[in-house]
Amino acid sequence: MGFSIKKITSTLAYEPSWAIQEPTGQKLDALRKILKQEYSFLSTGCQSYAFLSKDGKYVVKFFQMKHQIPQFFDFLDKERVDRDRKKLVASLHSYRLAYEEMAEDAGLIYVHLNPSNHLKTFLHIKDFLRRRHRVDLDQMKFVVQRKAELIFSFLEKLLSQEKKESVKEAIELMLQLANRQIIKCLADEDQGVKHNYGYITDEENRLRAVHFDVGRLHKSPHTDPNHVNRINLRIQRWLEKKHSIG
């Protein structure tokens, strides 16, 4: 139970398919500046621990490596251990795909999936018990994303301010995002909306819809043509339940 550096430390070998074009020069300097501030525990999911930057603008997700820490009961259920490992590998592939195909639409700034020696950066984090840790990022598998506001929390805020036109514009941005994924033949096995989609304000102060939880993304020639309609239907149902707008 709980967080430890050991739980995010990987022994997986270098994987060519996870390699990216690494940032250099000003882009690397900008990344290091983002990572220079302290990060505090935000949440934990099935595949990662998330930490929020002090300025509230960025999230760093470390992939959980629990399958590499043998427990007594693992020897009794090796099939489960193998499934956990496959899920992790699939998630790493998904984030690599998202970074290459839809970085802006996922709010992704950087992915680091292989061991390296060029970052030369230690991230200072506080876990949920407020214990401080110093993390050597060259040795970790992690991603950096812009902090998004969850879709329905964002729409709720606009409605509370009686900005109905802004609500409609925000919904249209979300549907355009979903359509771009279809055009790029990107399919998501996780069809959830509430905890997977949201909104950010980009560097040019423009509102953007983002699909920030892309851990189950894959390329497919058979993307669901109803993907856009499904997201729209869930939004409309929420609006009908909460408010008289649609």
C-alpha atoms as a PDB file:
ATOM      1  CA  MET A   1       0.000   0.000   0.000  1.00  0.00           C
ATOM      2  CA  GLY A   2       1.051   3.623  -0.413  1.00  0.00           C
ATOM      3  CA  PHE A   3       3.552   5.309  -2.711  1.00  0.00           C
ATOM      4  CA  SER A   4       7.286   4.677  -2.952  1.00  0.00           C
ATOM      5  CA  ILE A   5      10.002   5.307  -5.512  1.00  0.00           C
ATOM      6  CA  LYS A   6      10.348   1.559  -5.895  1.00  0.00           C
ATOM      7  CA  LYS A   7       6.781   1.347  -7.172  1.00  0.00           C
ATOM      8  CA  ILE A   8       7.575   3.591 -10.155  1.00  0.00           C
ATOM      9  CA  THR A   9      11.069   2.266 -10.892  1.00  0.00           C
ATOM     10  CA  SER A  10      11.219   0.158 -14.027  1.00  0.00           C
ATOM     11  CA  THR A  11      13.579  -2.645 -14.986  1.00  0.00           C
ATOM     12  CA  LEU A  12      12.086  -2.983 -18.469  1.00  0.00           C
ATOM     13  CA  ALA A  13      14.706  -2.931 -21.213  1.00  0.00           C
ATOM     14  CA  TYR A  14      14.981  -0.230 -23.855  1.00  0.00           C
ATOM     15  CA  GLU A  15      12.152  -0.614 -26.374  1.00  0.00           C
ATOM     16  CA  PRO A  16      12.734   0.951 -29.836  1.00  0.00           C
ATOM     17  CA  SER A  17       9.002   1.319 -30.504  1.00  0.00           C
ATOM     18  CA  TRP A  18       8.710   3.654 -27.494  1.00  0.00           C
ATOM     19  CA  ALA A  19      11.446   5.995 -28.677  1.00  0.00           C
ATOM     20  CA  ILE A  20      10.530   9.572 -29.606  1.00  0.00           C
ATOM     21  CA  GLN A  21      12.365  12.530 -31.084  1.00  0.00           C
ATOM     22  CA  GLU A  22      13.771  13.985 -27.882  1.00  0.00           C
ATOM     23  CA  PRO A  23      13.560  17.744 -27.290  1.00  0.00           C
ATOM     24  CA  THR A  24      16.782  19.736 -27.579  1.00  0.00           C
ATOM     25  CA  GLY A  25      17.840  23.338 -27.174  1.00  0.00           C
ATOM     26  CA  GLN A  26      15.023  25.704 -26.190  1.00  0.00           C
ATOM     27  CA  LYS A  27      12.427  22.923 -26.123  1.00  0.00           C
ATOM     28  CA  LEU A  28      14.513  20.963 -23.629  1.00  0.00           C
ATOM     29  CA  ASP A  29      15.060  24.110 -21.553  1.00  0.00           C
ATOM     30  CA  ALA A  30      11.289  24.746 -21.528  1.00  0.00           C
ATOM     31  CA  LEU A  31      10.638  21.158 -20.407  1.00  0.00           C
ATOM     32  CA  ARG A  32      13.191  21.420 -17.602  1.00  0.00           C
ATOM     33  CA  LYS A  33      11.565  24.672 -16.461  1.00  0.00           C
ATOM     34  CA  ILE A  34       8.197  22.886 -16.191  1.00  0.00           C
ATOM     35  CA  LEU A  35       9.832  20.094 -14.192  1.00  0.00           C
ATOM     36  CA  LYS A  36      11.831  22.417 -11.940  1.00  0.00           C
ATOM     37  CA  GLN A  37       8.911  23.225  -9.624  1.00  0.00           C
ATOM     38  CA  GLU A  38       7.658  20.943  -6.868  1.00  0.00           C
ATOM     39  CA  TYR A  39       4.793  18.545  -7.602  1.00  0.00           C
ATOM     40  CA  SER A  40       2.207  17.268  -5.123  1.00  0.00           C
ATOM     41  CA  PHE A  41       0.147  14.070  -5.174  1.00  0.00           C
ATOM     42  CA  LEU A  42      -3.024  14.442  -7.242  1.00  0.00           C
ATOM     43  CA  SER A  43      -4.485  10.970  -7.777  1.00  0.00           C
ATOM     44  CA  THR A  44      -3.727   7.348  -8.483  1.00  0.00           C
ATOM     45  CA  GLY A  45      -5.270   5.072 -11.109  1.00  0.00           C
ATOM     46  CA  CYS A  46      -4.885   1.544 -12.372  1.00  0.00           C
ATOM     47  CA  GLN A  47      -1.730   2.354 -14.322  1.00  0.00           C
ATOM     48  CA  SER A  48      -0.193   5.514 -12.866  1.00  0.00           C
ATOM     49  CA  TYR A  49       0.392   7.953 -10.015  1.00  0.00           C
ATOM     50  CA  ALA A  50      -0.373  11.581 -10.923  1.00  0.00           C
ATOM     51  CA  PHE A  51       1.294  14.650  -9.393  1.00  0.00           C
ATOM     52  CA  LEU A  52       0.278  18.294  -9.864  1.00  0.00           C
ATOM     53  CA  SER A  53       2.737  21.161 -10.351  1.00  0.00           C
ATOM     54  CA  LYS A  54       2.914  23.957  -7.813  1.00  0.00           C
ATOM     55  CA  ASP A  55       1.503  26.443 -10.324  1.00  0.00           C
ATOM     56  CA  GLY A  56      -1.408  24.092 -11.057  1.00  0.00           C
ATOM     57  CA  LYS A  57      -0.748  24.016 -14.803  1.00  0.00           C
ATOM     58  CA  TYR A  58       0.885  20.609 -15.318  1.00  0.00           C
ATOM     59  CA  VAL A  59       0.543  16.978 -14.329  1.00  0.00           C
ATOM     60  CA  VAL A  60       3.303  14.375 -14.268  1.00  0.00           C
ATOM     61  CA  LYS A  61       2.118  10.764 -14.420  1.00  0.00           C
ATOM     62  CA  PHE A  62       4.468   7.977 -13.330  1.00  0.00           C
ATOM     63  CA  PHE A  63       3.561   4.509 -14.537  1.00  0.00           C
ATOM     64  CA  GLN A  64       3.069   1.941 -11.808  1.00  0.00           C
ATOM     65  CA  MET A  65       5.591  -0.897 -11.836  1.00  0.00           C
ATOM     66  CA  LYS A  66       3.899  -3.082  -9.221  1.00  0.00           C
ATOM     67  CA  HIS A  67       4.087  -6.124 -11.501  1.00  0.00           C
ATOM     68  CA  GLN A  68       7.906  -5.929 -11.165  1.00  0.00           C
ATOM     69  CA  ILE A  69       7.792  -6.115  -7.378  1.00  0.00           C
ATOM     70  CA  PRO A  70       7.098  -9.795  -6.601  1.00  0.00           C
ATOM     71  CA  GLN A  71       4.634 -10.460  -3.792  1.00  0.00           C
ATOM     72  CA  PHE A  72       4.029 -13.791  -2.101  1.00  0.00           C
ATOM     73  CA  PHE A  73       0.617 -14.287  -3.708  1.00  0.00           C
ATOM     74  CA  ASP A  74       2.034 -13.547  -7.166  1.00  0.00           C
ATOM     75  CA  PHE A  75       3.523 -17.023  -7.215  1.00  0.00           C
ATOM     76  CA  LEU A  76       0.026 -18.415  -6.790  1.00  0.00           C
ATOM     77  CA  ASP A  77      -1.477 -16.360  -9.614  1.00  0.00           C
ATOM     78  CA  LYS A  78       1.115 -15.934 -12.339  1.00  0.00           C
ATOM     79  CA  GLU A  79      -1.587 -15.397 -14.936  1.00  0.00           C
ATOM     80  CA  ARG A  80      -2.711 -12.226 -13.157  1.00  0.00           C
ATOM     81  CA  VAL A  81       0.873 -10.967 -13.004  1.00  0.00           C
ATOM     82  CA  ASP A  82       1.225 -11.593 -16.722  1.00  0.00           C
ATOM     83  CA  ARG A  83      -2.035  -9.739 -17.407  1.00  0.00           C
ATOM     84  CA  ASP A  84      -0.856  -6.761 -15.343  1.00  0.00           C
ATOM     85  CA  ARG A  85       2.381  -6.650 -17.283  1.00  0.00           C
ATOM     86  CA  LYS A  86       0.563  -6.765 -20.624  1.00  0.00           C
ATOM     87  CA  LYS A  87      -1.741  -3.943 -19.512  1.00  0.00           C
ATOM     88  CA  LEU A  88       1.272  -1.817 -18.587  1.00  0.00           C
ATOM     89  CA  VAL A  89       2.999  -2.458 -21.907  1.00  0.00           C
ATOM     90  CA  ALA A  90      -0.230  -1.658 -23.765  1.00  0.00           C
ATOM     91  CA  SER A  91      -0.562   1.603 -21.822  1.00  0.00           C
ATOM     92  CA  LEU A  92       3.000   2.611 -22.710  1.00  0.00           C
ATOM     93  CA  HIS A  93       2.278   1.919 -26.378  1.00  0.00           C
ATOM     94  CA  SER A  94      -0.912   3.988 -26.086  1.00  0.00           C
ATOM     95  CA  TYR A  95       0.834   7.066 -24.720  1.00  0.00           C
ATOM     96  CA  ARG A  96       3.549   6.792 -27.357  1.00  0.00           C
ATOM     97  CA  LEU A  97       0.837   6.639 -30.044  1.00  0.00           C
ATOM     98  CA  ALA A  98      -1.032   9.590 -28.541  1.00  0.00           C
ATOM     99  CA  TYR A  99       2.159  11.659 -28.394  1.00  0.00           C
ATOM    100  CA  GLU A 100       2.867  11.015 -32.068  1.00  0.00           C
ATOM    101  CA  GLU A 101      -0.691  11.277 -33.386  1.00  0.00           C
ATOM    102  CA  MET A 102      -2.606  13.672 -31.126  1.00  0.00           C
ATOM    103  CA  ALA A 103      -0.296  15.388 -28.640  1.00  0.00           C
ATOM    104  CA  GLU A 104      -2.298  18.632 -28.542  1.00  0.00           C
ATOM    105  CA  ASP A 105      -5.620  16.798 -28.309  1.00  0.00           C
ATOM    106  CA  ALA A 106      -4.267  14.800 -25.357  1.00  0.00           C
ATOM    107  CA  GLY A 107      -2.646  17.803 -23.668  1.00  0.00           C
ATOM    108  CA  LEU A 108       0.654  15.923 -23.899  1.00  0.00           C
ATOM    109  CA  ILE A 109       3.871  17.895 -23.576  1.00  0.00           C
ATOM    110  CA  TYR A 110       6.362  15.025 -23.266  1.00  0.00           C
ATOM    111  CA  VAL A 111       6.575  11.263 -22.857  1.00  0.00           C
ATOM    112  CA  HIS A 112       9.587   9.438 -21.420  1.00  0.00           C
ATOM    113  CA  LEU A 113       9.233   5.686 -21.824  1.00  0.00           C
ATOM    114  CA  ASN A 114      12.841   4.485 -22.121  1.00  0.00           C
ATOM    115  CA  PRO A 115      15.832   4.939 -19.794  1.00  0.00           C
ATOM    116  CA  SER A 116      17.994   7.894 -20.819  1.00  0.00           C
ATOM    117  CA  ASN A 117      20.846  10.144 -19.719  1.00  0.00           C
ATOM    118  CA  HIS A 118      19.951  13.463 -21.350  1.00  0.00           C
ATOM    119  CA  LEU A 119      17.316  14.933 -19.015  1.00  0.00           C
ATOM    120  CA  LYS A 120      19.668  15.291 -16.057  1.00  0.00           C
ATOM    121  CA  THR A 121      16.702  16.435 -14.010  1.00  0.00           C
ATOM    122  CA  PHE A 122      15.380  15.409 -10.606  1.00  0.00           C
ATOM    123  CA  LEU A 123      11.701  15.988  -9.892  1.00  0.00           C
ATOM    124  CA  HIS A 124      10.763  16.957  -6.347  1.00  0.00           C
ATOM    125  CA  ILE A 125       7.410  15.500  -5.342  1.00  0.00           C
ATOM    126  CA  LYS A 126       5.226  15.153  -2.252  1.00  0.00           C
ATOM    127  CA  ASP A 127       3.181  11.989  -1.910  1.00  0.00           C
ATOM    128  CA  PHE A 128      -0.316  11.801  -0.353  1.00  0.00           C
ATOM    129  CA  LEU A 129       1.273  11.520   3.103  1.00  0.00           C
ATOM    130  CA  ARG A 130       3.186  14.738   2.267  1.00  0.00           C
ATOM    131  CA  ARG A 131       6.498  12.890   2.317  1.00  0.00           C
ATOM    132  CA  ARG A 132       9.047  14.412  -0.034  1.00  0.00           C
ATOM    133  CA  HIS A 133      10.867  12.406  -2.705  1.00  0.00           C
ATOM    134  CA  ARG A 134      13.568  13.240  -5.241  1.00  0.00           C
ATOM    135  CA  VAL A 135      13.004  11.374  -8.514  1.00  0.00           C
ATOM    136  CA  ASP A 136      15.685  10.811 -11.159  1.00  0.00           C
ATOM    137  CA  LEU A 137      13.606  11.342 -14.292  1.00  0.00           C
ATOM    138  CA  ASP A 138      16.152   9.733 -16.626  1.00  0.00           C
ATOM    139  CA  GLN A 139      15.354   6.408 -14.963  1.00  0.00           C
ATOM    140  CA  MET A 140      11.556   6.664 -14.874  1.00  0.00           C
ATOM    141  CA  LYS A 141       8.691   6.084 -17.272  1.00  0.00           C
ATOM    142  CA  PHE A 142       6.472   9.153 -17.117  1.00  0.00           C
ATOM    143  CA  VAL A 143       4.447  11.639 -19.128  1.00  0.00           C
ATOM    144  CA  VAL A 144       3.925  15.385 -18.773  1.00  0.00           C
ATOM    145  CA  GLN A 145       0.503  16.819 -19.561  1.00  0.00           C
ATOM    146  CA  ARG A 146      -1.314  20.089 -19.189  1.00  0.00           C
ATOM    147  CA  LYS A 147      -3.734  20.026 -16.255  1.00  0.00           C
ATOM    148  CA  ALA A 148      -7.252  19.647 -17.578  1.00  0.00           C
ATOM    149  CA  GLU A 149     -10.539  20.468 -15.890  1.00  0.00           C
ATOM    150  CA  LEU A 150     -12.953  17.548 -16.115  1.00  0.00           C
ATOM    151  CA  ILE A 151     -15.601  17.966 -18.796  1.00  0.00           C
ATOM    152  CA  PHE A 152     -18.666  18.146 -16.586  1.00  0.00           C
ATOM    153  CA  SER A 153     -17.006  20.247 -13.911  1.00  0.00           C
ATOM    154  CA  PHE A 154     -16.070  22.754 -16.596  1.00  0.00           C
ATOM    155  CA  LEU A 155     -19.549  22.817 -18.131  1.00  0.00           C
ATOM    156  CA  GLU A 156     -21.086  23.128 -14.656  1.00  0.00           C
ATOM    157  CA  LYS A 157     -18.954  26.190 -13.989  1.00  0.00           C
ATOM    158  CA  LEU A 158     -20.053  27.842 -17.240  1.00  0.00           C
ATOM    159  CA  LEU A 159     -23.706  27.131 -16.491  1.00  0.00           C
ATOM    160  CA  SER A 160     -23.394  28.558 -12.992  1.00  0.00           C
ATOM    161  CA  GLN A 161     -22.184  31.756 -14.659  1.00  0.00           C
ATOM    162  CA  GLU A 162     -25.152  31.604 -17.061  1.00  0.00           C
ATOM    163  CA  LYS A 163     -22.834  31.308 -20.080  1.00  0.00           C
ATOM    164  CA  LYS A 164     -25.055  29.058 -22.171  1.00  0.00           C
ATOM    165  CA  GLU A 165     -23.438  30.059 -25.468  1.00  0.00           C
ATOM    166  CA  SER A 166     -20.020  29.219 -24.035  1.00  0.00           C
ATOM    167  CA  VAL A 167     -21.396  25.819 -23.039  1.00  0.00           C
ATOM    168  CA  LYS A 168     -22.501  25.150 -26.606  1.00  0.00           C
ATOM    169  CA  GLU A 169     -19.115  26.258 -27.948  1.00  0.00           C
ATOM    170  CA  ALA A 170     -17.294  24.005 -25.467  1.00  0.00           C
ATOM    171  CA  ILE A 171     -19.440  21.024 -26.460  1.00  0.00           C
ATOM    172  CA  GLU A 172     -18.721  21.677 -30.127  1.00  0.00           C
ATOM    173  CA  LEU A 173     -14.975  21.696 -29.393  1.00  0.00           C
ATOM    174  CA  MET A 174     -15.354  18.316 -27.692  1.00  0.00           C
ATOM    175  CA  LEU A 175     -17.238  16.817 -30.639  1.00  0.00           C
ATOM    176  CA  GLN A 176     -14.628  18.166 -33.061  1.00  0.00           C
ATOM    177  CA  LEU A 177     -11.945  16.452 -30.981  1.00  0.00           C
ATOM    178  CA  ALA A 178     -13.827  13.140 -31.119  1.00  0.00           C
ATOM    179  CA  ASN A 179     -14.193  13.483 -34.879  1.00  0.00           C
ATOM    180  CA  ARG A 180     -10.452  14.119 -35.323  1.00  0.00           C
ATOM    181  CA  GLN A 181      -9.744  10.836 -33.559  1.00  0.00           C
ATOM    182  CA  ILE A 182     -11.996   9.002 -36.007  1.00  0.00           C
ATOM    183  CA  ILE A 183     -10.279  10.646 -38.985  1.00  0.00           C
ATOM    184  CA  LYS A 184      -6.899   9.531 -37.601  1.00  0.00           C
ATOM    185  CA  CYS A 185      -8.218   5.968 -37.041  1.00  0.00           C
ATOM    186  CA  LEU A 186      -7.592   6.198 -33.298  1.00  0.00           C
ATOM    187  CA  ALA A 187      -9.812   3.962 -31.201  1.00  0.00           C
ATOM    188  CA  ASP A 188     -10.155   3.922 -27.406  1.00  0.00           C
ATOM    189  CA  GLU A 189     -11.145   0.760 -25.564  1.00  0.00           C
ATOM    190  CA  ASP A 190     -12.192   2.908 -22.596  1.00  0.00           C
ATOM    191  CA  GLN A 191     -15.450   4.538 -23.643  1.00  0.00           C
ATOM    192  CA  GLY A 192     -15.822   6.575 -20.479  1.00  0.00           C
ATOM    193  CA  VAL A 193     -16.362  10.317 -20.829  1.00  0.00           C
ATOM    194  CA  LYS A 194     -16.648  11.747 -17.315  1.00  0.00           C
ATOM    195  CA  HIS A 195     -13.072  11.016 -16.213  1.00  0.00           C
ATOM    196  CA  ASN A 196     -11.319  10.853 -19.600  1.00  0.00           C
ATOM    197  CA  TYR A 197     -12.157  14.181 -21.250  1.00  0.00           C
ATOM    198  CA  GLY A 198     -11.824  17.786 -20.231  1.00  0.00           C
ATOM    199  CA  TYR A 199     -10.682  21.285 -21.161  1.00  0.00           C
ATOM    200  CA  ILE A 200      -7.473  23.274 -21.009  1.00  0.00           C
ATOM    201  CA  THR A 201      -6.385  26.785 -21.916  1.00  0.00           C
ATOM    202  CA  ASP A 202      -3.380  26.570 -24.236  1.00  0.00           C
ATOM    203  CA  GLU A 203      -0.333  28.850 -24.428  1.00  0.00           C
ATOM    204  CA  GLU A 204      -2.223  31.236 -26.717  1.00  0.00           C
ATOM    205  CA  ASN A 205      -5.064  31.465 -24.179  1.00  0.00           C
ATOM    206  CA  ARG A 206      -7.432  29.450 -26.372  1.00  0.00           C
ATOM    207  CA  LEU A 207      -9.883  26.939 -24.956  1.00  0.00           C
ATOM    208  CA  ARG A 208      -9.168  23.389 -26.100  1.00  0.00           C
ATOM    209  CA  ALA A 209     -10.990  20.129 -25.553  1.00  0.00           C
ATOM    210  CA  VAL A 210      -8.652  17.280 -24.590  1.00  0.00           C
ATOM    211  CA  HIS A 211      -8.795  13.522 -24.242  1.00  0.00           C
ATOM    212  CA  PHE A 212      -6.255  13.266 -21.438  1.00  0.00           C
ATOM    213  CA  ASP A 213      -6.635   9.619 -20.366  1.00  0.00           C
ATOM    214  CA  VAL A 214      -5.265   7.812 -23.419  1.00  0.00           C
ATOM    215  CA  GLY A 215      -3.994   4.657 -21.714  1.00  0.00           C
ATOM    216  CA  ARG A 216      -6.116   2.349 -23.874  1.00  0.00           C
ATOM    217  CA  LEU A 217      -5.699   4.007 -27.245  1.00  0.00           C
ATOM    218  CA  HIS A 218      -4.811   2.052 -30.376  1.00  0.00           C
ATOM    219  CA  LYS A 219      -4.704   2.439 -34.128  1.00  0.00           C
ATOM    220  CA  SER A 220      -7.570   0.732 -35.917  1.00  0.00           C
ATOM    221  CA  PRO A 221      -9.026   0.846 -39.428  1.00  0.00           C
ATOM    222  CA  HIS A 222     -12.370   0.044 -37.821  1.00  0.00           C
ATOM    223  CA  THR A 223     -12.909   3.018 -35.520  1.00  0.00           C
ATOM    224  CA  ASP A 224     -16.412   3.345 -34.155  1.00  0.00           C
ATOM    225  CA  PRO A 225     -18.395   5.676 -36.478  1.00  0.00           C
ATOM    226  CA  ASN A 226     -20.744   6.367 -33.558  1.00  0.00           C
ATOM    227  CA  HIS A 227     -17.927   7.672 -31.348  1.00  0.00           C
ATOM    228  CA  VAL A 228     -18.950  11.314 -31.795  1.00  0.00           C
ATOM    229  CA  ASN A 229     -22.643  10.589 -31.304  1.00  0.00           C
ATOM    230  CA  ARG A 230     -21.926   8.534 -28.186  1.00  0.00           C
ATOM    231  CA  ILE A 231     -20.007  11.376 -26.552  1.00  0.00           C
ATOM    232  CA  ASN A 232     -22.675  13.892 -27.567  1.00  0.00           C
ATOM    233  CA  LEU A 233     -25.421  11.659 -26.150  1.00  0.00           C
ATOM    234  CA  ARG A 234     -23.680  11.420 -22.786  1.00  0.00           C
ATOM    235  CA  ILE A 235     -23.226  15.173 -22.671  1.00  0.00           C
ATOM    236  CA  GLN A 236     -26.880  15.765 -23.568  1.00  0.00           C
ATOM    237  CA  ARG A 237     -28.061  13.300 -20.929  1.00  0.00           C
ATOM    238  CA  TRP A 238     -25.973  15.125 -18.328  1.00  0.00           C
ATOM    239  CA  LEU A 239     -27.417  18.465 -19.426  1.00  0.00           C
ATOM    240  CA  GLU A 240     -30.980  17.143 -19.289  1.00  0.00           C
ATOM    241  CA  LYS A 241     -30.385  15.702 -15.836  1.00  0.00           C
ATOM    242  CA  LYS A 242     -28.685  18.758 -14.390  1.00  0.00           C
ATOM    243  CA  HIS A 243     -30.015  21.678 -16.358  1.00  0.00           C
ATOM    244  CA  SER A 244     -32.643  22.671 -18.896  1.00  0.00           C
ATOM    245  CA  ILE A 245     -30.249  23.092 -21.800  1.00  0.00           C
ATOM    246  CA  GLY A 246     -29.382  20.852 -24.716  1.00  0.00           C
END
